[in-house]
Every structure is written in C-alpha cells, then in structure tokens.
Amino acid sequence: MIGVDIERIDRFEHFTQAGYERIFSKKEIEYASQFENNLEHLCGFYCVKEAFVKALDDDAIAFKDIEVLHTESGKPYINRSPFIESILREHHRHLLDISISHCREYAVAVVLVE
C-alpha cells in the first residue's frame, strides 16, 4: 500500500506553539528548528503522518503518535515505537520506506507499507 500527501506550507504559519505540540513530537520540533525554513520541514513531517494514515486506511491513528526521525545521513524514517509496531501488526503490514520533499510553497511525502 502507498500513502501520499501534499500540503501547502503556509497552512502552518499561524499555528501556536500548543498547536505544533498537538501534532509534532519534541524531537520533530527540535529538528525543524535547526533550519531557517523550519515550516517546510514541519509540513513535510505532517505529510508523512497523513500518508501513513492513508497507507493503512486508519484515520483513528493520532498524528502525535507518528514520529519522523532522521538517520545520521539525514534520511527520514518513522520511529518504530511500540505503538507503531502494534498498529502495523494489527493491520498485518510492514513499513518499508518513506520519502519527503519540499519547496517554499509545498511539501509532499510518500509512505510505502506492504
């Protein structure tokens, strides 16, 4: 199964800190804050979360429970927390890979599960 999502970055311009904290983990916020274009990164993380939900066809998963981290080389991945592992088992799926891309106006993500 493939999940894809694209979002306008300006959608996140007026979020309060509490709004960000309802969607993103502390690690995601810290990672994005390293960059001048931090909203592009946050929007990309949001797209991953939405694409993951679409790939599993399960809108009961809270976005806060899906955490995007990065390898030392910078490749993004979904944190295989016990919660995510249980969701994957429940759906009889395996997370294969994710990809994120962004520019000044849009971010897009693809999540692949089998």
Protein backbone atom coordinates (compact mmCIF):
# COMPACT_ATOMS: atom_id res chain seq x y z
CA MET A 1 0.00 0.00 0.00
CA ILE A 2 1.14 3.52 -0.76
CA GLY A 3 0.12 6.68 1.06
CA VAL A 4 0.81 10.11 -0.44
CA ASP A 5 0.10 13.58 0.89
CA ILE A 6 0.84 17.11 -0.28
CA GLU A 7 0.21 20.26 1.75
CA ARG A 8 0.72 23.99 1.42
CA ILE A 9 3.41 25.15 3.82
CA ASP A 10 1.64 28.42 4.61
CA ARG A 11 -1.04 26.33 6.32
CA PHE A 12 1.35 26.07 9.30
CA GLU A 13 2.31 29.77 9.55
CA HIS A 14 -0.31 30.70 12.13
CA PHE A 15 -0.10 27.70 14.42
CA THR A 16 0.61 28.44 18.06
CA GLN A 17 3.29 26.50 19.93
CA ALA A 18 0.49 24.46 21.51
CA GLY A 19 -0.84 23.72 18.03
CA TYR A 20 2.55 22.39 16.94
CA GLU A 21 2.84 20.32 20.12
CA ARG A 22 -0.52 18.64 19.42
CA ILE A 23 0.79 17.31 16.09
CA PHE A 24 4.57 17.05 16.38
CA SER A 25 6.91 15.39 18.86
CA LYS A 26 9.54 17.36 20.75
CA LYS A 27 12.23 15.77 18.57
CA GLU A 28 10.45 16.79 15.37
CA ILE A 29 10.10 20.39 16.55
CA GLU A 30 13.75 20.50 17.66
CA TYR A 31 14.93 19.06 14.33
CA ALA A 32 12.92 21.55 12.27
CA SER A 33 14.04 24.49 14.41
CA GLN A 34 17.62 23.96 13.20
CA PHE A 35 16.62 25.25 9.78
CA GLU A 36 15.65 28.70 8.53
CA ASN A 37 12.87 27.03 6.54
CA ASN A 38 11.56 25.17 9.59
CA LEU A 39 7.93 25.24 8.39
CA GLU A 40 8.92 23.31 5.25
CA HIS A 41 10.27 20.55 7.49
CA LEU A 42 7.27 20.52 9.81
CA CYS A 43 4.91 20.44 6.86
CA GLY A 44 6.89 17.51 5.45
CA PHE A 45 6.54 15.66 8.76
CA TYR A 46 2.79 16.35 8.68
CA CYS A 47 2.64 14.91 5.16
CA VAL A 48 4.37 11.73 6.36
CA LYS A 49 1.83 11.35 9.15
CA GLU A 50 -1.09 11.84 6.76
CA ALA A 51 0.44 9.49 4.17
CA PHE A 52 1.00 6.81 6.85
CA VAL A 53 -2.65 7.02 7.91
CA LYS A 54 -3.72 6.79 4.25
CA ALA A 55 -1.44 3.81 3.58
CA LEU A 56 -3.02 1.92 6.48
CA ASP A 57 -6.52 3.27 5.81
CA ASP A 58 -6.90 4.00 9.53
CA ASP A 59 -7.86 7.55 10.46
CA ALA A 60 -8.03 6.64 14.16
CA ILE A 61 -4.23 6.97 14.46
CA ALA A 62 -3.26 10.22 16.20
CA PHE A 63 -0.63 12.21 14.32
CA LYS A 64 1.28 12.82 17.58
CA ASP A 65 1.86 9.03 17.76
CA ILE A 66 3.68 9.04 14.40
CA GLU A 67 7.19 10.43 14.81
CA VAL A 68 9.55 11.26 11.94
CA LEU A 69 13.23 10.93 12.80
CA HIS A 70 16.40 11.02 10.67
CA THR A 71 19.43 8.79 10.24
CA GLU A 72 22.89 10.29 10.67
CA SER A 73 22.97 10.86 6.90
CA GLY A 74 19.67 12.78 7.08
CA LYS A 75 17.31 10.15 5.62
CA PRO A 76 13.88 10.40 7.25
CA TYR A 77 12.14 7.41 8.79
CA ILE A 78 9.14 6.71 11.00
CA ASN A 79 10.15 5.84 14.55
CA ARG A 80 9.32 2.17 15.14
CA SER A 81 7.88 2.82 18.59
CA PRO A 82 5.95 0.04 20.34
CA PHE A 83 2.72 1.84 19.35
CA ILE A 84 3.65 1.98 15.65
CA GLU A 85 4.75 -1.66 15.74
CA SER A 86 1.39 -2.65 17.27
CA ILE A 87 -0.52 -0.68 14.60
CA LEU A 88 1.48 -2.37 11.84
CA ARG A 89 0.83 -5.81 13.37
CA GLU A 90 -2.88 -5.01 13.72
CA HIS A 91 -3.04 -4.17 10.01
CA HIS A 92 -0.76 -7.07 9.02
CA ARG A 93 1.64 -4.63 7.39
CA HIS A 94 5.36 -3.86 7.36
CA LEU A 95 6.69 -0.34 6.97
CA LEU A 96 9.05 -0.30 4.01
CA ASP A 97 10.09 3.29 3.41
CA ILE A 98 9.17 6.96 3.39
CA SER A 99 10.23 9.93 1.31
CA ILE A 100 9.73 13.66 1.89
CA SER A 101 10.26 16.59 -0.45
CA HIS A 102 9.54 20.27 -0.02
CA CYS A 103 9.99 23.68 -1.57
CA ARG A 104 8.88 27.16 -0.50
CA GLU A 105 5.18 26.53 -1.14
CA TYR A 106 4.54 22.80 -0.79
CA ALA A 107 5.69 19.68 0.99
CA VAL A 108 4.92 16.15 -0.13
CA ALA A 109 5.53 12.71 1.37
CA VAL A 110 5.15 9.11 0.30
CA VAL A 111 4.86 6.17 2.71
CA LEU A 112 5.18 2.60 1.47
CA VAL A 113 3.91 -0.37 3.51
CA GLU A 114 3.36 -3.99 2.49
